[in-house]
Amino acid sequence: MVNEQTLKDLVKEFKHTDPAYREKIHTIIRTSYGSHYRRMVPEILSILDFRSNNEVHRPVIDALELIIRYANTGLHYFPVTEQYG
């Protein structure tokens, strides 16, 4: 027979070592922070100015311009007709 505290300790240990539990917690935290930072990205991009004279960086600059252009549209995807690069 095991006392109540021992059972509580076993449950607590199981929760902290069970991969499924840890994955669930990770998903919850990632979703929470992901939503927060996703809302911040347009604000950050509107403040920063991205430039480069190096043609190797041109695709990155073009991609950032595309993201900035659609940042506050509420669209989840860019239109297929969008030209970039």
C-alpha atoms as a PDB file:
ATOM      1  CA  MET A   1       0.000   0.000   0.000  1.00  0.00           C
ATOM      2  CA  VAL A   2       1.287   3.444  -0.981  1.00  0.00           C
ATOM      3  CA  ASN A   3       0.348   6.696   0.686  1.00  0.00           C
ATOM      4  CA  GLU A   4      -1.314   9.583  -1.165  1.00  0.00           C
ATOM      5  CA  GLN A   5       1.817  11.743  -1.336  1.00  0.00           C
ATOM      6  CA  THR A   6       3.774   8.942  -3.010  1.00  0.00           C
ATOM      7  CA  LEU A   7       1.056   8.608  -5.661  1.00  0.00           C
ATOM      8  CA  LYS A   8       1.078  12.364  -6.236  1.00  0.00           C
ATOM      9  CA  ASP A   9       4.859  12.283  -6.597  1.00  0.00           C
ATOM     10  CA  LEU A  10       4.649   9.410  -9.095  1.00  0.00           C
ATOM     11  CA  VAL A  11       2.050  11.249 -11.188  1.00  0.00           C
ATOM     12  CA  LYS A  12       4.155  14.404 -11.092  1.00  0.00           C
ATOM     13  CA  GLU A  13       7.264  12.492 -12.171  1.00  0.00           C
ATOM     14  CA  PHE A  14       5.358  10.738 -14.960  1.00  0.00           C
ATOM     15  CA  LYS A  15       4.076  14.051 -16.310  1.00  0.00           C
ATOM     16  CA  HIS A  16       7.592  15.467 -16.432  1.00  0.00           C
ATOM     17  CA  THR A  17       9.180  12.421 -18.075  1.00  0.00           C
ATOM     18  CA  ASP A  18       6.408  11.258 -20.425  1.00  0.00           C
ATOM     19  CA  PRO A  19       7.296  12.252 -24.030  1.00  0.00           C
ATOM     20  CA  ALA A  20       3.646  12.779 -25.008  1.00  0.00           C
ATOM     21  CA  TYR A  21       3.088  15.114 -22.062  1.00  0.00           C
ATOM     22  CA  ARG A  22       6.271  17.047 -22.817  1.00  0.00           C
ATOM     23  CA  GLU A  23       5.287  17.327 -26.486  1.00  0.00           C
ATOM     24  CA  LYS A  24       1.851  18.635 -25.508  1.00  0.00           C
ATOM     25  CA  ILE A  25       3.370  21.278 -23.224  1.00  0.00           C
ATOM     26  CA  HIS A  26       5.893  22.214 -25.919  1.00  0.00           C
ATOM     27  CA  THR A  27       3.070  22.649 -28.455  1.00  0.00           C
ATOM     28  CA  ILE A  28       1.059  24.829 -26.081  1.00  0.00           C
ATOM     29  CA  ILE A  29       4.037  27.058 -25.310  1.00  0.00           C
ATOM     30  CA  ARG A  30       5.136  27.254 -28.955  1.00  0.00           C
ATOM     31  CA  THR A  31       1.616  28.188 -30.067  1.00  0.00           C
ATOM     32  CA  SER A  32       1.315  30.833 -27.381  1.00  0.00           C
ATOM     33  CA  TYR A  33       4.640  32.475 -28.146  1.00  0.00           C
ATOM     34  CA  GLY A  34       4.229  31.931 -31.889  1.00  0.00           C
ATOM     35  CA  SER A  35       1.001  33.893 -31.948  1.00  0.00           C
ATOM     36  CA  HIS A  36       2.563  36.668 -29.901  1.00  0.00           C
ATOM     37  CA  TYR A  37       5.643  37.029 -32.079  1.00  0.00           C
ATOM     38  CA  ARG A  38       3.687  36.646 -35.310  1.00  0.00           C
ATOM     39  CA  ARG A  39       1.736  39.773 -34.355  1.00  0.00           C
ATOM     40  CA  MET A  40       4.981  41.627 -33.626  1.00  0.00           C
ATOM     41  CA  VAL A  41       6.703  40.882 -36.942  1.00  0.00           C
ATOM     42  CA  PRO A  42       4.851  43.514 -39.034  1.00  0.00           C
ATOM     43  CA  GLU A  43       5.655  46.164 -36.428  1.00  0.00           C
ATOM     44  CA  ILE A  44       9.322  45.223 -36.356  1.00  0.00           C
ATOM     45  CA  LEU A  45       9.553  45.110 -40.149  1.00  0.00           C
ATOM     46  CA  SER A  46       7.942  48.545 -40.432  1.00  0.00           C
ATOM     47  CA  ILE A  47      10.678  50.008 -38.227  1.00  0.00           C
ATOM     48  CA  LEU A  48      13.687  48.354 -39.847  1.00  0.00           C
ATOM     49  CA  ASP A  49      15.198  49.265 -43.207  1.00  0.00           C
ATOM     50  CA  PHE A  50      16.767  46.393 -45.139  1.00  0.00           C
ATOM     51  CA  ARG A  51      19.389  47.202 -47.792  1.00  0.00           C
ATOM     52  CA  SER A  52      22.299  45.532 -49.483  1.00  0.00           C
ATOM     53  CA  ASN A  53      24.518  46.249 -52.470  1.00  0.00           C
ATOM     54  CA  ASN A  54      25.413  42.580 -52.684  1.00  0.00           C
ATOM     55  CA  GLU A  55      23.364  40.778 -55.355  1.00  0.00           C
ATOM     56  CA  VAL A  56      23.687  37.530 -53.396  1.00  0.00           C
ATOM     57  CA  HIS A  57      21.387  39.064 -50.769  1.00  0.00           C
ATOM     58  CA  ARG A  58      18.829  40.331 -53.319  1.00  0.00           C
ATOM     59  CA  PRO A  59      16.458  37.327 -52.883  1.00  0.00           C
ATOM     60  CA  VAL A  60      16.306  37.960 -49.140  1.00  0.00           C
ATOM     61  CA  ILE A  61      15.649  41.678 -49.630  1.00  0.00           C
ATOM     62  CA  ASP A  62      12.938  40.864 -52.205  1.00  0.00           C
ATOM     63  CA  ALA A  63      11.335  38.366 -49.824  1.00  0.00           C
ATOM     64  CA  LEU A  64      11.320  40.907 -46.996  1.00  0.00           C
ATOM     65  CA  GLU A  65       9.722  43.508 -49.276  1.00  0.00           C
ATOM     66  CA  LEU A  66       7.019  40.987 -50.188  1.00  0.00           C
ATOM     67  CA  ILE A  67       6.347  40.193 -46.535  1.00  0.00           C
ATOM     68  CA  ILE A  68       6.198  43.895 -45.659  1.00  0.00           C
ATOM     69  CA  ARG A  69       3.835  44.587 -48.566  1.00  0.00           C
ATOM     70  CA  TYR A  70       1.344  41.966 -47.326  1.00  0.00           C
ATOM     71  CA  ALA A  71       1.982  42.279 -43.577  1.00  0.00           C
ATOM     72  CA  ASN A  72      -1.263  44.042 -42.671  1.00  0.00           C
ATOM     73  CA  THR A  73      -3.583  42.553 -45.288  1.00  0.00           C
ATOM     74  CA  GLY A  74      -4.854  39.710 -43.117  1.00  0.00           C
ATOM     75  CA  LEU A  75      -4.026  37.193 -45.851  1.00  0.00           C
ATOM     76  CA  HIS A  76      -2.538  33.874 -44.786  1.00  0.00           C
ATOM     77  CA  TYR A  77      -0.942  33.246 -48.180  1.00  0.00           C
ATOM     78  CA  PHE A  78       0.454  35.418 -50.934  1.00  0.00           C
ATOM     79  CA  PRO A  79      -1.593  35.525 -54.139  1.00  0.00           C
ATOM     80  CA  VAL A  80      -0.323  33.080 -56.777  1.00  0.00           C
ATOM     81  CA  THR A  81      -0.096  35.997 -59.189  1.00  0.00           C
ATOM     82  CA  GLU A  82       2.388  37.800 -56.945  1.00  0.00           C
ATOM     83  CA  GLN A  83       5.714  38.460 -58.660  1.00  0.00           C
ATOM     84  CA  TYR A  84       8.850  38.393 -56.583  1.00  0.00           C
ATOM     85  CA  GLY A  85      12.549  37.869 -57.035  1.00  0.00           C
END
